[in-house]
Amino acid sequence: MAGRPKKKAAGSKKVKPSGPAACAVLWGLDPSGEKGAAVRAVLREMDVVARTATYERLGDPAGAFARLVGFRPAPVDYAGPAPEGEFLLLCGLTDAQVNEFLARSREAGCVVGPKALLTKANRSWPLFRLIEAVRVEHASSA
């Protein structure tokens, strides 16, 4: 029966990947420090991957930290001023997960000041720019 397509075997249906795993990008929260360890423990309990931003990678687009399709690290290491303080960028979390993280971090006594959600509007921003913009906004609303 030439010309007839073969039937696919059962269970061989292609499945689209669900996208990058939920993650949190942390700056200024040392994993060996009490607060940094507590934040990472809360994230781990929620099955959210914690990624520590290093100084050299501060020029990378925020979307690269979340491993979004089409986003790559900057071709040159960052060489500007280091942002002051701590920062947390939540990527790919639902509203319920964000609320759960906030509640759990309050319970654990490890609330992070400036934080943001990765959005279509900020995912192409270099991380240092996003950190600074959120820090300024946080300071003006305090």
N, C-alpha and C. Protein backbone atom coordinates (compact mmCIF):
# COMPACT_ATOMS: atom_id res chain seq x y z
N MET A 1 0.82 -1.17 0.00
CA MET A 1 0.00 0.00 0.00
C MET A 1 0.87 1.24 0.00
N ALA A 2 1.55 1.39 -1.06
CA ALA A 2 2.45 2.52 -1.20
C ALA A 2 1.67 3.82 -1.22
N GLY A 3 2.29 4.85 -0.63
CA GLY A 3 1.67 6.17 -0.66
C GLY A 3 0.80 6.49 0.55
N ARG A 4 0.47 5.48 1.33
CA ARG A 4 -0.35 5.74 2.53
C ARG A 4 0.57 6.03 3.70
N PRO A 5 0.28 7.09 4.45
CA PRO A 5 1.13 7.39 5.61
C PRO A 5 0.97 6.33 6.68
N LYS A 6 2.06 6.06 7.34
CA LYS A 6 2.02 5.09 8.43
C LYS A 6 1.35 5.72 9.64
N LYS A 7 0.65 4.89 10.38
CA LYS A 7 0.03 5.37 11.62
C LYS A 7 1.11 5.48 12.69
N LYS A 8 0.95 6.50 13.52
CA LYS A 8 1.89 6.65 14.62
C LYS A 8 1.56 5.65 15.71
N ALA A 9 2.59 5.18 16.35
CA ALA A 9 2.39 4.25 17.45
C ALA A 9 1.70 4.97 18.60
N ALA A 10 0.92 4.24 19.36
CA ALA A 10 0.23 4.83 20.51
C ALA A 10 1.25 5.41 21.48
N GLY A 11 0.94 6.58 22.00
CA GLY A 11 1.83 7.20 22.98
C GLY A 11 2.96 8.00 22.36
N SER A 12 2.99 8.12 21.03
CA SER A 12 4.08 8.87 20.40
C SER A 12 3.65 10.29 20.03
N LYS A 13 2.56 10.74 20.58
CA LYS A 13 2.06 12.08 20.31
C LYS A 13 3.07 13.11 20.81
N LYS A 14 3.33 14.13 19.97
CA LYS A 14 4.25 15.19 20.38
C LYS A 14 3.60 16.03 21.45
N VAL A 15 4.39 16.38 22.44
CA VAL A 15 3.90 17.21 23.53
C VAL A 15 4.72 18.49 23.53
N LYS A 16 4.03 19.63 23.53
CA LYS A 16 4.73 20.91 23.58
C LYS A 16 5.30 21.10 24.98
N PRO A 17 6.52 21.60 25.07
CA PRO A 17 7.05 21.89 26.40
C PRO A 17 6.21 22.98 27.05
N SER A 18 6.07 22.92 28.34
CA SER A 18 5.24 23.87 29.06
C SER A 18 5.93 25.20 29.27
N GLY A 19 7.15 25.34 28.83
CA GLY A 19 7.87 26.59 29.02
C GLY A 19 8.90 26.45 30.12
N PRO A 20 9.63 27.51 30.34
CA PRO A 20 10.66 27.47 31.37
C PRO A 20 10.04 27.24 32.75
N ALA A 21 10.80 26.61 33.61
CA ALA A 21 10.33 26.37 34.98
C ALA A 21 10.27 27.69 35.73
N ALA A 22 9.36 27.75 36.68
CA ALA A 22 9.26 28.93 37.54
C ALA A 22 10.60 29.11 38.24
N CYS A 23 11.04 30.36 38.30
CA CYS A 23 12.32 30.62 38.96
C CYS A 23 12.30 31.98 39.64
N ALA A 24 13.27 32.18 40.48
CA ALA A 24 13.47 33.46 41.15
C ALA A 24 14.94 33.84 40.99
N VAL A 25 15.17 35.06 40.56
CA VAL A 25 16.53 35.57 40.40
C VAL A 25 16.83 36.44 41.62
N LEU A 26 17.92 36.13 42.30
CA LEU A 26 18.26 36.82 43.54
C LEU A 26 19.55 37.62 43.39
N TRP A 27 19.52 38.83 43.91
CA TRP A 27 20.71 39.69 43.95
C TRP A 27 20.86 40.19 45.38
N GLY A 28 22.08 40.17 45.89
CA GLY A 28 22.35 40.70 47.21
C GLY A 28 21.84 39.84 48.35
N LEU A 29 21.54 38.60 48.07
CA LEU A 29 21.06 37.65 49.10
C LEU A 29 22.01 36.46 49.12
N ASP A 30 23.07 36.60 49.88
CA ASP A 30 24.11 35.60 49.96
C ASP A 30 23.52 34.26 50.43
N PRO A 31 23.76 33.18 49.67
CA PRO A 31 23.21 31.88 50.06
C PRO A 31 23.74 31.38 51.40
N SER A 32 24.90 31.88 51.83
CA SER A 32 25.44 31.43 53.11
C SER A 32 24.96 32.32 54.27
N GLY A 33 24.29 33.41 53.95
CA GLY A 33 23.73 34.28 54.98
C GLY A 33 22.37 33.77 55.44
N GLU A 34 21.95 34.21 56.61
CA GLU A 34 20.70 33.73 57.18
C GLU A 34 19.49 34.05 56.30
N LYS A 35 19.38 35.29 55.85
CA LYS A 35 18.22 35.69 55.04
C LYS A 35 18.26 35.02 53.67
N GLY A 36 19.42 35.01 53.04
CA GLY A 36 19.54 34.38 51.73
C GLY A 36 19.19 32.90 51.77
N ALA A 37 19.64 32.22 52.81
CA ALA A 37 19.34 30.79 52.97
C ALA A 37 17.85 30.58 53.21
N ALA A 38 17.24 31.46 54.01
CA ALA A 38 15.81 31.32 54.31
C ALA A 38 14.96 31.56 53.07
N VAL A 39 15.31 32.56 52.26
CA VAL A 39 14.57 32.82 51.02
C VAL A 39 14.68 31.61 50.09
N ARG A 40 15.88 31.07 49.96
CA ARG A 40 16.07 29.90 49.10
C ARG A 40 15.30 28.69 49.62
N ALA A 41 15.21 28.54 50.93
CA ALA A 41 14.46 27.42 51.51
C ALA A 41 12.97 27.55 51.17
N VAL A 42 12.43 28.75 51.26
CA VAL A 42 11.01 28.98 50.91
C VAL A 42 10.79 28.64 49.44
N LEU A 43 11.68 29.11 48.58
CA LEU A 43 11.56 28.82 47.15
C LEU A 43 11.66 27.33 46.88
N ARG A 44 12.59 26.67 47.54
CA ARG A 44 12.78 25.21 47.36
C ARG A 44 11.51 24.46 47.75
N GLU A 45 10.90 24.85 48.89
CA GLU A 45 9.66 24.21 49.34
C GLU A 45 8.53 24.37 48.31
N MET A 46 8.60 25.44 47.54
CA MET A 46 7.57 25.71 46.53
C MET A 46 7.95 25.16 45.16
N ASP A 47 9.07 24.45 45.06
CA ASP A 47 9.58 23.93 43.78
C ASP A 47 9.87 25.04 42.78
N VAL A 48 10.38 26.15 43.28
CA VAL A 48 10.78 27.27 42.43
C VAL A 48 12.30 27.31 42.43
N VAL A 49 12.89 27.32 41.25
CA VAL A 49 14.34 27.32 41.11
C VAL A 49 14.88 28.70 41.51
N ALA A 50 15.89 28.72 42.37
CA ALA A 50 16.55 29.97 42.77
C ALA A 50 17.81 30.13 41.94
N ARG A 51 17.95 31.29 41.30
CA ARG A 51 19.14 31.58 40.51
C ARG A 51 19.79 32.84 41.08
N THR A 52 21.03 32.72 41.45
CA THR A 52 21.77 33.85 42.00
C THR A 52 22.40 34.63 40.86
N ALA A 53 22.08 35.91 40.77
CA ALA A 53 22.69 36.77 39.75
C ALA A 53 24.08 37.16 40.22
N THR A 54 25.05 36.95 39.36
CA THR A 54 26.41 37.36 39.68
C THR A 54 26.69 38.72 39.04
N TYR A 55 27.68 39.41 39.57
CA TYR A 55 28.03 40.74 39.08
C TYR A 55 28.24 40.75 37.56
N GLU A 56 28.99 39.79 37.04
CA GLU A 56 29.32 39.76 35.60
C GLU A 56 28.09 39.65 34.73
N ARG A 57 27.00 39.06 35.26
CA ARG A 57 25.81 38.80 34.46
C ARG A 57 24.74 39.90 34.60
N LEU A 58 25.03 40.96 35.31
CA LEU A 58 24.05 42.02 35.51
C LEU A 58 23.62 42.72 34.22
N GLY A 59 24.39 42.59 33.16
CA GLY A 59 24.03 43.17 31.87
C GLY A 59 23.14 42.27 31.03
N ASP A 60 22.91 41.05 31.49
CA ASP A 60 22.05 40.12 30.75
C ASP A 60 20.60 40.56 30.82
N PRO A 61 19.83 40.33 29.75
CA PRO A 61 18.40 40.66 29.82
C PRO A 61 17.72 39.80 30.89
N ALA A 62 16.74 40.38 31.56
CA ALA A 62 16.02 39.64 32.60
C ALA A 62 15.46 38.33 32.05
N GLY A 63 15.01 38.33 30.82
CA GLY A 63 14.47 37.12 30.20
C GLY A 63 15.48 36.00 30.06
N ALA A 64 16.76 36.33 29.99
CA ALA A 64 17.80 35.31 29.90
C ALA A 64 17.91 34.54 31.22
N PHE A 65 17.73 35.23 32.34
CA PHE A 65 17.77 34.55 33.65
C PHE A 65 16.63 33.55 33.78
N ALA A 66 15.48 33.89 33.16
CA ALA A 66 14.31 33.01 33.20
C ALA A 66 14.41 31.93 32.13
N ARG A 67 15.44 32.01 31.30
CA ARG A 67 15.67 31.08 30.20
C ARG A 67 14.52 31.08 29.20
N LEU A 68 14.03 32.29 28.91
CA LEU A 68 12.97 32.43 27.91
C LEU A 68 13.56 32.23 26.52
N VAL A 69 12.77 31.66 25.63
CA VAL A 69 13.19 31.44 24.26
C VAL A 69 13.52 32.80 23.62
N GLY A 70 14.64 32.86 22.94
CA GLY A 70 15.05 34.08 22.25
C GLY A 70 15.89 35.03 23.09
N PHE A 71 16.09 34.72 24.36
CA PHE A 71 16.89 35.59 25.23
C PHE A 71 18.19 34.89 25.55
N ARG A 72 19.27 35.62 25.33
CA ARG A 72 20.61 35.07 25.58
C ARG A 72 21.39 36.02 26.49
N PRO A 73 22.39 35.48 27.18
CA PRO A 73 23.24 36.36 27.99
C PRO A 73 23.88 37.43 27.12
N ALA A 74 24.21 38.56 27.72
CA ALA A 74 24.90 39.64 27.01
C ALA A 74 26.24 39.13 26.52
N PRO A 75 26.69 39.59 25.35
CA PRO A 75 27.96 39.10 24.81
C PRO A 75 29.19 39.55 25.59
N VAL A 76 29.04 40.60 26.39
CA VAL A 76 30.17 41.13 27.16
C VAL A 76 29.77 41.17 28.64
N ASP A 77 30.69 40.81 29.51
CA ASP A 77 30.43 40.88 30.95
C ASP A 77 30.08 42.30 31.36
N TYR A 78 29.22 42.43 32.35
CA TYR A 78 28.84 43.72 32.90
C TYR A 78 30.04 44.34 33.61
N ALA A 79 30.20 45.67 33.49
CA ALA A 79 31.34 46.33 34.12
C ALA A 79 30.94 47.65 34.78
N GLY A 80 29.66 47.84 35.06
CA GLY A 80 29.20 49.08 35.68
C GLY A 80 29.14 48.97 37.19
N PRO A 81 28.50 49.94 37.81
CA PRO A 81 28.38 49.91 39.27
C PRO A 81 27.46 48.78 39.73
N ALA A 82 27.78 48.19 40.86
CA ALA A 82 26.95 47.12 41.43
C ALA A 82 25.73 47.74 42.12
N PRO A 83 24.54 47.23 41.86
CA PRO A 83 23.36 47.75 42.55
C PRO A 83 23.46 47.53 44.06
N GLU A 84 22.94 48.48 44.81
CA GLU A 84 22.97 48.37 46.27
C GLU A 84 21.79 47.55 46.75
N GLY A 85 21.98 46.88 47.87
CA GLY A 85 20.89 46.17 48.53
C GLY A 85 20.52 44.85 47.88
N GLU A 86 19.34 44.40 48.26
CA GLU A 86 18.86 43.09 47.80
C GLU A 86 17.75 43.29 46.77
N PHE A 87 17.51 42.22 46.00
CA PHE A 87 16.48 42.27 44.96
C PHE A 87 16.05 40.85 44.64
N LEU A 88 14.78 40.72 44.28
CA LEU A 88 14.23 39.41 43.91
C LEU A 88 13.35 39.60 42.68
N LEU A 89 13.59 38.81 41.64
CA LEU A 89 12.79 38.82 40.43
C LEU A 89 12.10 37.46 40.32
N LEU A 90 10.77 37.47 40.36
CA LEU A 90 9.99 36.24 40.24
C LEU A 90 9.59 36.05 38.78
N CYS A 91 9.88 34.86 38.25
CA CYS A 91 9.65 34.58 36.83
C CYS A 91 8.75 33.36 36.67
N GLY A 92 7.67 33.53 35.94
CA GLY A 92 6.81 32.40 35.59
C GLY A 92 5.94 31.88 36.71
N LEU A 93 5.71 32.66 37.75
CA LEU A 93 4.84 32.23 38.85
C LEU A 93 3.42 32.72 38.60
N THR A 94 2.46 31.94 39.01
CA THR A 94 1.06 32.37 38.94
C THR A 94 0.81 33.36 40.07
N ASP A 95 -0.33 34.05 40.01
CA ASP A 95 -0.68 34.98 41.09
C ASP A 95 -0.76 34.24 42.42
N ALA A 96 -1.32 33.03 42.39
CA ALA A 96 -1.45 32.24 43.62
C ALA A 96 -0.06 31.89 44.17
N GLN A 97 0.89 31.56 43.30
CA GLN A 97 2.24 31.23 43.75
C GLN A 97 2.95 32.46 44.31
N VAL A 98 2.73 33.62 43.70
CA VAL A 98 3.33 34.85 44.22
C VAL A 98 2.80 35.13 45.62
N ASN A 99 1.48 35.02 45.77
CA ASN A 99 0.87 35.25 47.09
C ASN A 99 1.38 34.23 48.11
N GLU A 100 1.54 32.99 47.68
CA GLU A 100 2.06 31.96 48.58
C GLU A 100 3.49 32.29 48.99
N PHE A 101 4.31 32.71 48.03
CA PHE A 101 5.69 33.07 48.35
C PHE A 101 5.73 34.22 49.35
N LEU A 102 4.92 35.24 49.12
CA LEU A 102 4.90 36.39 50.03
C LEU A 102 4.49 35.97 51.43
N ALA A 103 3.46 35.13 51.53
CA ALA A 103 2.99 34.67 52.85
C ALA A 103 4.06 33.81 53.53
N ARG A 104 4.66 32.89 52.79
CA ARG A 104 5.68 32.01 53.38
C ARG A 104 6.92 32.79 53.81
N SER A 105 7.31 33.78 53.02
CA SER A 105 8.50 34.55 53.38
C SER A 105 8.22 35.41 54.62
N ARG A 106 6.99 35.92 54.76
CA ARG A 106 6.63 36.65 55.99
C ARG A 106 6.71 35.72 57.19
N GLU A 107 6.13 34.52 57.04
CA GLU A 107 6.15 33.54 58.14
C GLU A 107 7.58 33.16 58.53
N ALA A 108 8.45 33.04 57.54
CA ALA A 108 9.84 32.64 57.80
C ALA A 108 10.72 33.82 58.22
N GLY A 109 10.16 35.03 58.18
CA GLY A 109 10.93 36.21 58.58
C GLY A 109 12.00 36.60 57.59
N CYS A 110 11.76 36.34 56.32
CA CYS A 110 12.77 36.65 55.30
C CYS A 110 12.18 37.44 54.14
N VAL A 111 11.42 38.49 54.47
CA VAL A 111 10.81 39.31 53.43
C VAL A 111 11.90 40.11 52.71
N VAL A 112 11.87 40.05 51.39
CA VAL A 112 12.81 40.79 50.56
C VAL A 112 12.16 42.11 50.19
N GLY A 113 12.89 43.20 50.35
CA GLY A 113 12.36 44.53 50.02
C GLY A 113 12.01 44.66 48.56
N PRO A 114 12.87 45.25 47.76
CA PRO A 114 12.56 45.43 46.34
C PRO A 114 12.45 44.09 45.62
N LYS A 115 11.32 43.92 44.94
CA LYS A 115 11.10 42.71 44.15
C LYS A 115 10.22 43.05 42.97
N ALA A 116 10.24 42.20 41.97
CA ALA A 116 9.45 42.44 40.77
C ALA A 116 9.04 41.12 40.16
N LEU A 117 8.06 41.20 39.28
CA LEU A 117 7.66 40.06 38.46
C LEU A 117 8.21 40.28 37.06
N LEU A 118 8.64 39.22 36.43
CA LEU A 118 9.09 39.32 35.05
C LEU A 118 7.85 39.50 34.17
N THR A 119 7.88 40.53 33.33
CA THR A 119 6.74 40.83 32.46
C THR A 119 7.22 40.99 31.02
N LYS A 120 6.28 41.08 30.10
CA LYS A 120 6.65 41.35 28.71
C LYS A 120 7.36 42.69 28.59
N ALA A 121 6.98 43.63 29.44
CA ALA A 121 7.56 44.97 29.37
C ALA A 121 9.00 45.01 29.88
N ASN A 122 9.35 44.18 30.87
CA ASN A 122 10.71 44.29 31.45
C ASN A 122 11.63 43.12 31.11
N ARG A 123 11.17 42.14 30.41
CA ARG A 123 12.01 40.96 30.18
C ARG A 123 13.22 41.23 29.30
N SER A 124 13.20 42.31 28.51
CA SER A 124 14.37 42.62 27.68
C SER A 124 15.32 43.61 28.37
N TRP A 125 14.94 44.12 29.53
CA TRP A 125 15.80 45.05 30.26
C TRP A 125 17.01 44.33 30.82
N PRO A 126 18.17 44.97 30.78
CA PRO A 126 19.32 44.39 31.50
C PRO A 126 18.97 44.31 32.98
N LEU A 127 19.41 43.27 33.64
CA LEU A 127 19.03 43.07 35.03
C LEU A 127 19.42 44.26 35.91
N PHE A 128 20.61 44.86 35.69
CA PHE A 128 21.01 46.00 36.53
C PHE A 128 20.01 47.15 36.39
N ARG A 129 19.48 47.36 35.20
CA ARG A 129 18.51 48.45 34.98
C ARG A 129 17.19 48.15 35.70
N LEU A 130 16.76 46.92 35.64
CA LEU A 130 15.53 46.52 36.32
C LEU A 130 15.68 46.66 37.83
N ILE A 131 16.81 46.21 38.36
CA ILE A 131 17.06 46.31 39.80
C ILE A 131 17.01 47.78 40.23
N GLU A 132 17.68 48.63 39.48
CA GLU A 132 17.74 50.05 39.83
C GLU A 132 16.35 50.71 39.74
N ALA A 133 15.60 50.40 38.70
CA ALA A 133 14.26 50.99 38.54
C ALA A 133 13.33 50.57 39.68
N VAL A 134 13.39 49.31 40.06
CA VAL A 134 12.55 48.82 41.15
C VAL A 134 13.01 49.40 42.48
N ARG A 135 14.32 49.51 42.67
CA ARG A 135 14.85 50.09 43.91
C ARG A 135 14.38 51.54 44.06
N VAL A 136 14.45 52.33 43.00
CA VAL A 136 14.02 53.73 43.03
C VAL A 136 12.53 53.81 43.33
N GLU A 137 11.75 52.97 42.65
CA GLU A 137 10.31 52.96 42.87
C GLU A 137 9.98 52.55 44.31
N HIS A 138 10.68 51.55 44.82
CA HIS A 138 10.47 51.07 46.18
C HIS A 138 10.80 52.16 47.20
N ALA A 139 11.90 52.87 46.97
CA ALA A 139 12.34 53.94 47.88
C ALA A 139 11.34 55.10 47.88
N SER A 140 10.78 55.42 46.72
CA SER A 140 9.86 56.56 46.65
C SER A 140 8.49 56.23 47.25
N SER A 141 8.15 54.96 47.34
CA SER A 141 6.85 54.59 47.91
C SER A 141 6.96 54.28 49.40
N ALA A 142 8.17 54.25 49.93
CA ALA A 142 8.37 53.92 51.36
C ALA A 142 8.13 55.11 52.26
